[in-house]
Amino acid sequence: MKKKIQYVAAIALLALLTFSTSVMAQPDPGGGGDPGGGTPPVGGGAPVGNGVYILVALALAYGISRWYAMRKQTA
C-alpha cells in the first residue's frame, strides 16, 4: 500500500511540474502611454525565469537524498 501511495504522489508531482510550466500570465489591460517610458519596477525588470526551475530541482534532489538516507537507516 505504501508503494502505491508513493507512486501516486510521484505521478502527481510530475504532473504538477509539467502543467505548471505552461501557465501564462494574463496580458496587461493597457493604459496607453510610452511602453518604454517611466521608471522600472522595484527590484528591476528581470524575469524570474529559470531560477524557479533550479530551486525546484534542488529541492527535489535534497528530498530524494533525505528519503534515500532514511530508507537506508531503517533497512
PDB file of N, CA and C in Angstrom:
ATOM      1  N   MET A   1       0.821  -1.183   0.000  1.00  0.00           N
ATOM      2  CA  MET A   1       0.000   0.000   0.000  1.00  0.00           C
ATOM      3  C   MET A   1       0.872   1.257   0.000  1.00  0.00           C
ATOM      4  N   LYS A   2       1.985   1.197   0.762  1.00  0.00           N
ATOM      5  CA  LYS A   2       2.865   2.347   0.844  1.00  0.00           C
ATOM      6  C   LYS A   2       3.498   2.647  -0.518  1.00  0.00           C
ATOM      7  N   LYS A   3       3.861   1.598  -1.238  1.00  0.00           N
ATOM      8  CA  LYS A   3       4.445   1.789  -2.571  1.00  0.00           C
ATOM      9  C   LYS A   3       3.454   2.467  -3.509  1.00  0.00           C
ATOM     10  N   LYS A   4       2.185   2.082  -3.390  1.00  0.00           N
ATOM     11  CA  LYS A   4       1.161   2.666  -4.252  1.00  0.00           C
ATOM     12  C   LYS A   4       0.992   4.155  -3.954  1.00  0.00           C
ATOM     13  N   ILE A   5       1.032   4.530  -2.688  1.00  0.00           N
ATOM     14  CA  ILE A   5       0.909   5.940  -2.309  1.00  0.00           C
ATOM     15  C   ILE A   5       2.104   6.727  -2.835  1.00  0.00           C
ATOM     16  N   GLN A   6       3.292   6.160  -2.713  1.00  0.00           N
ATOM     17  CA  GLN A   6       4.479   6.835  -3.226  1.00  0.00           C
ATOM     18  C   GLN A   6       4.409   6.979  -4.746  1.00  0.00           C
ATOM     19  N   TYR A   7       3.909   5.970  -5.415  1.00  0.00           N
ATOM     20  CA  TYR A   7       3.775   6.023  -6.869  1.00  0.00           C
ATOM     21  C   TYR A   7       2.794   7.116  -7.281  1.00  0.00           C
ATOM     22  N   VAL A   8       1.660   7.183  -6.621  1.00  0.00           N
ATOM     23  CA  VAL A   8       0.652   8.206  -6.936  1.00  0.00           C
ATOM     24  C   VAL A   8       1.197   9.592  -6.629  1.00  0.00           C
ATOM     25  N   ALA A   9       1.916   9.739  -5.520  1.00  0.00           N
ATOM     26  CA  ALA A   9       2.491  11.037  -5.166  1.00  0.00           C
ATOM     27  C   ALA A   9       3.531  11.469  -6.202  1.00  0.00           C
ATOM     28  N   ALA A  10       4.336  10.534  -6.680  1.00  0.00           N
ATOM     29  CA  ALA A  10       5.340  10.858  -7.693  1.00  0.00           C
ATOM     30  C   ALA A  10       4.678  11.278  -9.001  1.00  0.00           C
ATOM     31  N   ILE A  11       3.633  10.586  -9.407  1.00  0.00           N
ATOM     32  CA  ILE A  11       2.919  10.943 -10.633  1.00  0.00           C
ATOM     33  C   ILE A  11       2.262  12.310 -10.480  1.00  0.00           C
ATOM     34  N   ALA A  12       1.673  12.578  -9.314  1.00  0.00           N
ATOM     35  CA  ALA A  12       1.024  13.871  -9.079  1.00  0.00           C
ATOM     36  C   ALA A  12       2.051  15.001  -9.119  1.00  0.00           C
ATOM     37  N   LEU A  13       3.223  14.793  -8.523  1.00  0.00           N
ATOM     38  CA  LEU A  13       4.271  15.807  -8.549  1.00  0.00           C
ATOM     39  C   LEU A  13       4.757  16.044  -9.968  1.00  0.00           C
ATOM     40  N   LEU A  14       4.936  14.991 -10.718  1.00  0.00           N
ATOM     41  CA  LEU A  14       5.373  15.124 -12.106  1.00  0.00           C
ATOM     42  C   LEU A  14       4.334  15.886 -12.930  1.00  0.00           C
ATOM     43  N   ALA A  15       3.062  15.566 -12.733  1.00  0.00           N
ATOM     44  CA  ALA A  15       2.006  16.268 -13.455  1.00  0.00           C
ATOM     45  C   ALA A  15       1.960  17.738 -13.063  1.00  0.00           C
ATOM     46  N   LEU A  16       2.119  18.022 -11.785  1.00  0.00           N
ATOM     47  CA  LEU A  16       2.102  19.407 -11.315  1.00  0.00           C
ATOM     48  C   LEU A  16       3.239  20.202 -11.934  1.00  0.00           C
ATOM     49  N   LEU A  17       4.433  19.634 -11.957  1.00  0.00           N
ATOM     50  CA  LEU A  17       5.573  20.337 -12.536  1.00  0.00           C
ATOM     51  C   LEU A  17       5.425  20.493 -14.046  1.00  0.00           C
ATOM     52  N   THR A  18       4.861  19.498 -14.700  1.00  0.00           N
ATOM     53  CA  THR A  18       4.688  19.568 -16.143  1.00  0.00           C
ATOM     54  C   THR A  18       3.672  20.635 -16.538  1.00  0.00           C
ATOM     55  N   PHE A  19       2.546  20.647 -15.850  1.00  0.00           N
ATOM     56  CA  PHE A  19       1.493  21.586 -16.220  1.00  0.00           C
ATOM     57  C   PHE A  19       1.742  22.997 -15.716  1.00  0.00           C
ATOM     58  N   SER A  20       2.563  23.150 -14.689  1.00  0.00           N
ATOM     59  CA  SER A  20       2.828  24.496 -14.176  1.00  0.00           C
ATOM     60  C   SER A  20       3.728  25.289 -15.120  1.00  0.00           C
ATOM     61  N   THR A  21       4.462  24.606 -15.991  1.00  0.00           N
ATOM     62  CA  THR A  21       5.324  25.326 -16.924  1.00  0.00           C
ATOM     63  C   THR A  21       4.529  25.977 -18.039  1.00  0.00           C
ATOM     64  N   SER A  22       3.303  25.528 -18.258  1.00  0.00           N
ATOM     65  CA  SER A  22       2.515  26.097 -19.344  1.00  0.00           C
ATOM     66  C   SER A  22       1.583  27.206 -18.877  1.00  0.00           C
ATOM     67  N   VAL A  23       1.625  27.548 -17.611  1.00  0.00           N
ATOM     68  CA  VAL A  23       0.773  28.612 -17.090  1.00  0.00           C
ATOM     69  C   VAL A  23       1.333  29.951 -17.549  1.00  0.00           C
ATOM     70  N   MET A  24       0.468  30.771 -18.099  1.00  0.00           N
ATOM     71  CA  MET A  24       0.887  32.080 -18.585  1.00  0.00           C
ATOM     72  C   MET A  24       0.110  33.175 -17.866  1.00  0.00           C
ATOM     73  N   ALA A  25       0.758  34.296 -17.643  1.00  0.00           N
ATOM     74  CA  ALA A  25       0.100  35.428 -17.018  1.00  0.00           C
ATOM     75  C   ALA A  25      -0.835  36.099 -18.023  1.00  0.00           C
ATOM     76  N   GLN A  26      -1.864  36.758 -17.502  1.00  0.00           N
ATOM     77  CA  GLN A  26      -2.774  37.486 -18.371  1.00  0.00           C
ATOM     78  C   GLN A  26      -2.071  38.725 -18.897  1.00  0.00           C
ATOM     79  N   PRO A  27      -2.427  39.174 -20.097  1.00  0.00           N
ATOM     80  CA  PRO A  27      -1.782  40.361 -20.654  1.00  0.00           C
ATOM     81  C   PRO A  27      -2.180  41.617 -19.871  1.00  0.00           C
ATOM     82  N   ASP A  28      -1.346  42.613 -19.995  1.00  0.00           N
ATOM     83  CA  ASP A  28      -1.599  43.906 -19.359  1.00  0.00           C
ATOM     84  C   ASP A  28      -2.869  44.518 -19.951  1.00  0.00           C
ATOM     85  N   PRO A  29      -3.766  45.039 -19.110  1.00  0.00           N
ATOM     86  CA  PRO A  29      -5.011  45.576 -19.635  1.00  0.00           C
ATOM     87  C   PRO A  29      -4.831  46.848 -20.462  1.00  0.00           C
ATOM     88  N   GLY A  30      -3.648  47.348 -20.532  1.00  0.00           N
ATOM     89  CA  GLY A  30      -3.408  48.524 -21.362  1.00  0.00           C
ATOM     90  C   GLY A  30      -3.193  49.760 -20.510  1.00  0.00           C
ATOM     91  N   GLY A  31      -3.654  50.868 -21.019  1.00  0.00           N
ATOM     92  CA  GLY A  31      -3.472  52.107 -20.294  1.00  0.00           C
ATOM     93  C   GLY A  31      -2.759  53.130 -21.153  1.00  0.00           C
ATOM     94  N   GLY A  32      -2.244  52.690 -22.271  1.00  0.00           N
ATOM     95  CA  GLY A  32      -1.607  53.618 -23.194  1.00  0.00           C
ATOM     96  C   GLY A  32      -0.269  54.110 -22.690  1.00  0.00           C
ATOM     97  N   GLY A  33       0.216  55.139 -23.325  1.00  0.00           N
ATOM     98  CA  GLY A  33       1.490  55.716 -22.936  1.00  0.00           C
ATOM     99  C   GLY A  33       2.643  55.028 -23.635  1.00  0.00           C
ATOM    100  N   ASP A  34       3.814  55.543 -23.368  1.00  0.00           N
ATOM    101  CA  ASP A  34       5.033  55.013 -23.952  1.00  0.00           C
ATOM    102  C   ASP A  34       5.389  53.698 -23.263  1.00  0.00           C
ATOM    103  N   PRO A  35       5.484  52.581 -24.006  1.00  0.00           N
ATOM    104  CA  PRO A  35       5.771  51.315 -23.353  1.00  0.00           C
ATOM    105  C   PRO A  35       7.162  51.262 -22.717  1.00  0.00           C
ATOM    106  N   GLY A  36       8.093  52.053 -23.190  1.00  0.00           N
ATOM    107  CA  GLY A  36       9.440  52.040 -22.638  1.00  0.00           C
ATOM    108  C   GLY A  36       9.666  53.136 -21.617  1.00  0.00           C
ATOM    109  N   GLY A  37       8.677  53.982 -21.404  1.00  0.00           N
ATOM    110  CA  GLY A  37       8.849  55.118 -20.507  1.00  0.00           C
ATOM    111  C   GLY A  37       8.560  54.777 -19.064  1.00  0.00           C
ATOM    112  N   GLY A  38       8.818  55.717 -18.209  1.00  0.00           N
ATOM    113  CA  GLY A  38       8.550  55.526 -16.794  1.00  0.00           C
ATOM    114  C   GLY A  38       9.728  54.895 -16.078  1.00  0.00           C
ATOM    115  N   THR A  39       9.523  54.649 -14.813  1.00  0.00           N
ATOM    116  CA  THR A  39      10.589  54.049 -14.017  1.00  0.00           C
ATOM    117  C   THR A  39      10.412  52.535 -13.995  1.00  0.00           C
ATOM    118  N   PRO A  40      11.506  51.810 -13.895  1.00  0.00           N
ATOM    119  CA  PRO A  40      11.379  50.346 -13.826  1.00  0.00           C
ATOM    120  C   PRO A  40      10.746  49.936 -12.495  1.00  0.00           C
ATOM    121  N   PRO A  41      10.150  48.771 -12.425  1.00  0.00           N
ATOM    122  CA  PRO A  41       9.539  48.324 -11.175  1.00  0.00           C
ATOM    123  C   PRO A  41      10.587  48.102 -10.084  1.00  0.00           C
ATOM    124  N   VAL A  42      10.134  48.107  -8.851  1.00  0.00           N
ATOM    125  CA  VAL A  42      11.039  47.881  -7.732  1.00  0.00           C
ATOM    126  C   VAL A  42      11.643  46.486  -7.868  1.00  0.00           C
ATOM    127  N   GLY A  43      12.941  46.405  -7.738  1.00  0.00           N
ATOM    128  CA  GLY A  43      13.616  45.120  -7.885  1.00  0.00           C
ATOM    129  C   GLY A  43      14.108  44.892  -9.296  1.00  0.00           C
ATOM    130  N   GLY A  44      13.902  45.866 -10.175  1.00  0.00           N
ATOM    131  CA  GLY A  44      14.352  45.728 -11.549  1.00  0.00           C
ATOM    132  C   GLY A  44      13.329  45.024 -12.414  1.00  0.00           C
ATOM    133  N   GLY A  45      13.614  44.938 -13.670  1.00  0.00           N
ATOM    134  CA  GLY A  45      12.683  44.320 -14.597  1.00  0.00           C
ATOM    135  C   GLY A  45      13.093  42.923 -14.998  1.00  0.00           C
ATOM    136  N   ALA A  46      13.945  42.267 -14.201  1.00  0.00           N
ATOM    137  CA  ALA A  46      14.430  40.939 -14.551  1.00  0.00           C
ATOM    138  C   ALA A  46      13.343  39.897 -14.310  1.00  0.00           C
ATOM    139  N   PRO A  47      13.136  38.980 -15.251  1.00  0.00           N
ATOM    140  CA  PRO A  47      12.155  37.916 -15.047  1.00  0.00           C
ATOM    141  C   PRO A  47      12.685  36.859 -14.072  1.00  0.00           C
ATOM    142  N   VAL A  48      11.772  36.144 -13.441  1.00  0.00           N
ATOM    143  CA  VAL A  48      12.165  35.079 -12.517  1.00  0.00           C
ATOM    144  C   VAL A  48      12.765  33.929 -13.309  1.00  0.00           C
ATOM    145  N   GLY A  49      12.104  33.544 -14.379  1.00  0.00           N
ATOM    146  CA  GLY A  49      12.626  32.585 -15.345  1.00  0.00           C
ATOM    147  C   GLY A  49      13.123  31.278 -14.779  1.00  0.00           C
ATOM    148  N   ASN A  50      14.366  30.940 -15.087  1.00  0.00           N
ATOM    149  CA  ASN A  50      14.925  29.627 -14.757  1.00  0.00           C
ATOM    150  C   ASN A  50      15.265  29.469 -13.287  1.00  0.00           C
ATOM    151  N   GLY A  51      15.273  30.555 -12.534  1.00  0.00           N
ATOM    152  CA  GLY A  51      15.591  30.455 -11.112  1.00  0.00           C
ATOM    153  C   GLY A  51      14.614  29.567 -10.368  1.00  0.00           C
ATOM    154  N   VAL A  52      13.338  29.625 -10.753  1.00  0.00           N
ATOM    155  CA  VAL A  52      12.328  28.797 -10.105  1.00  0.00           C
ATOM    156  C   VAL A  52      12.588  27.322 -10.405  1.00  0.00           C
ATOM    157  N   TYR A  53      12.933  27.010 -11.634  1.00  0.00           N
ATOM    158  CA  TYR A  53      13.198  25.625 -12.012  1.00  0.00           C
ATOM    159  C   TYR A  53      14.428  25.087 -11.288  1.00  0.00           C
ATOM    160  N   ILE A  54      15.438  25.925 -11.134  1.00  0.00           N
ATOM    161  CA  ILE A  54      16.636  25.500 -10.419  1.00  0.00           C
ATOM    162  C   ILE A  54      16.294  25.236  -8.956  1.00  0.00           C
ATOM    163  N   LEU A  55      15.499  26.115  -8.341  1.00  0.00           N
ATOM    164  CA  LEU A  55      15.098  25.937  -6.954  1.00  0.00           C
ATOM    165  C   LEU A  55      14.296  24.652  -6.763  1.00  0.00           C
ATOM    166  N   VAL A  56      13.357  24.383  -7.661  1.00  0.00           N
ATOM    167  CA  VAL A  56      12.555  23.161  -7.570  1.00  0.00           C
ATOM    168  C   VAL A  56      13.432  21.924  -7.761  1.00  0.00           C
ATOM    169  N   ALA A  57      14.355  21.980  -8.696  1.00  0.00           N
ATOM    170  CA  ALA A  57      15.235  20.838  -8.942  1.00  0.00           C
ATOM    171  C   ALA A  57      16.121  20.556  -7.732  1.00  0.00           C
ATOM    172  N   LEU A  58      16.651  21.602  -7.108  1.00  0.00           N
ATOM    173  CA  LEU A  58      17.488  21.409  -5.929  1.00  0.00           C
ATOM    174  C   LEU A  58      16.674  20.875  -4.755  1.00  0.00           C
ATOM    175  N   ALA A  59      15.461  21.389  -4.585  1.00  0.00           N
ATOM    176  CA  ALA A  59      14.599  20.892  -3.510  1.00  0.00           C
ATOM    177  C   ALA A  59      14.249  19.430  -3.733  1.00  0.00           C
ATOM    178  N   LEU A  60      13.975  19.065  -4.963  1.00  0.00           N
ATOM    179  CA  LEU A  60      13.665  17.670  -5.290  1.00  0.00           C
ATOM    180  C   LEU A  60      14.867  16.769  -5.031  1.00  0.00           C
ATOM    181  N   ALA A  61      16.048  17.212  -5.435  1.00  0.00           N
ATOM    182  CA  ALA A  61      17.257  16.418  -5.196  1.00  0.00           C
ATOM    183  C   ALA A  61      17.513  16.261  -3.698  1.00  0.00           C
ATOM    184  N   TYR A  62      17.313  17.324  -2.934  1.00  0.00           N
ATOM    185  CA  TYR A  62      17.504  17.245  -1.484  1.00  0.00           C
ATOM    186  C   TYR A  62      16.490  16.293  -0.858  1.00  0.00           C
ATOM    187  N   GLY A  63      15.245  16.384  -1.270  1.00  0.00           N
ATOM    188  CA  GLY A  63      14.215  15.497  -0.739  1.00  0.00           C
ATOM    189  C   GLY A  63      14.493  14.045  -1.047  1.00  0.00           C
ATOM    190  N   ILE A  64      14.940  13.763  -2.247  1.00  0.00           N
ATOM    191  CA  ILE A  64      15.266  12.383  -2.629  1.00  0.00           C
ATOM    192  C   ILE A  64      16.450  11.881  -1.826  1.00  0.00           C
ATOM    193  N   SER A  65      17.448  12.734  -1.620  1.00  0.00           N
ATOM    194  CA  SER A  65      18.611  12.296  -0.845  1.00  0.00           C
ATOM    195  C   SER A  65      18.233  12.020   0.606  1.00  0.00           C
ATOM    196  N   ARG A  66      17.366  12.839   1.188  1.00  0.00           N
ATOM    197  CA  ARG A  66      16.921  12.607   2.573  1.00  0.00           C
ATOM    198  C   ARG A  66      16.086  11.329   2.656  1.00  0.00           C
ATOM    199  N   TRP A  67      15.219  11.124   1.675  1.00  0.00           N
ATOM    200  CA  TRP A  67      14.391   9.917   1.653  1.00  0.00           C
ATOM    201  C   TRP A  67      15.271   8.675   1.536  1.00  0.00           C
ATOM    202  N   TYR A  68      16.271   8.740   0.680  1.00  0.00           N
ATOM    203  CA  TYR A  68      17.179   7.608   0.495  1.00  0.00           C
ATOM    204  C   TYR A  68      17.955   7.329   1.774  1.00  0.00           C
ATOM    205  N   ALA A  69      18.425   8.385   2.445  1.00  0.00           N
ATOM    206  CA  ALA A  69      19.183   8.215   3.688  1.00  0.00           C
ATOM    207  C   ALA A  69      18.304   7.610   4.785  1.00  0.00           C
ATOM    208  N   MET A  70      17.058   8.039   4.888  1.00  0.00           N
ATOM    209  CA  MET A  70      16.157   7.493   5.892  1.00  0.00           C
ATOM    210  C   MET A  70      15.824   6.041   5.584  1.00  0.00           C
ATOM    211  N   ARG A  71      15.629   5.739   4.314  1.00  0.00           N
ATOM    212  CA  ARG A  71      15.321   4.375   3.898  1.00  0.00           C
ATOM    213  C   ARG A  71      16.503   3.446   4.190  1.00  0.00           C
ATOM    214  N   LYS A  72      17.706   3.962   3.990  1.00  0.00           N
ATOM    215  CA  LYS A  72      18.912   3.177   4.220  1.00  0.00           C
ATOM    216  C   LYS A  72      19.111   2.908   5.724  1.00  0.00           C
ATOM    217  N   GLN A  73      18.733   3.890   6.562  1.00  0.00           N
ATOM    218  CA  GLN A  73      18.879   3.738   8.005  1.00  0.00           C
ATOM    219  C   GLN A  73      17.943   2.665   8.549  1.00  0.00           C
ATOM    220  N   THR A  74      16.703   2.649   8.049  1.00  0.00           N
ATOM    221  CA  THR A  74      15.721   1.707   8.569  1.00  0.00           C
ATOM    222  C   THR A  74      15.924   0.284   8.044  1.00  0.00           C
ATOM    223  N   ALA A  75      16.636   0.150   6.959  1.00  0.00           N
ATOM    224  CA  ALA A  75      16.839  -1.187   6.370  1.00  0.00           C
ATOM    225  C   ALA A  75      17.952  -1.951   7.014  1.00  0.00           C
TER     226      ALA A  75
END
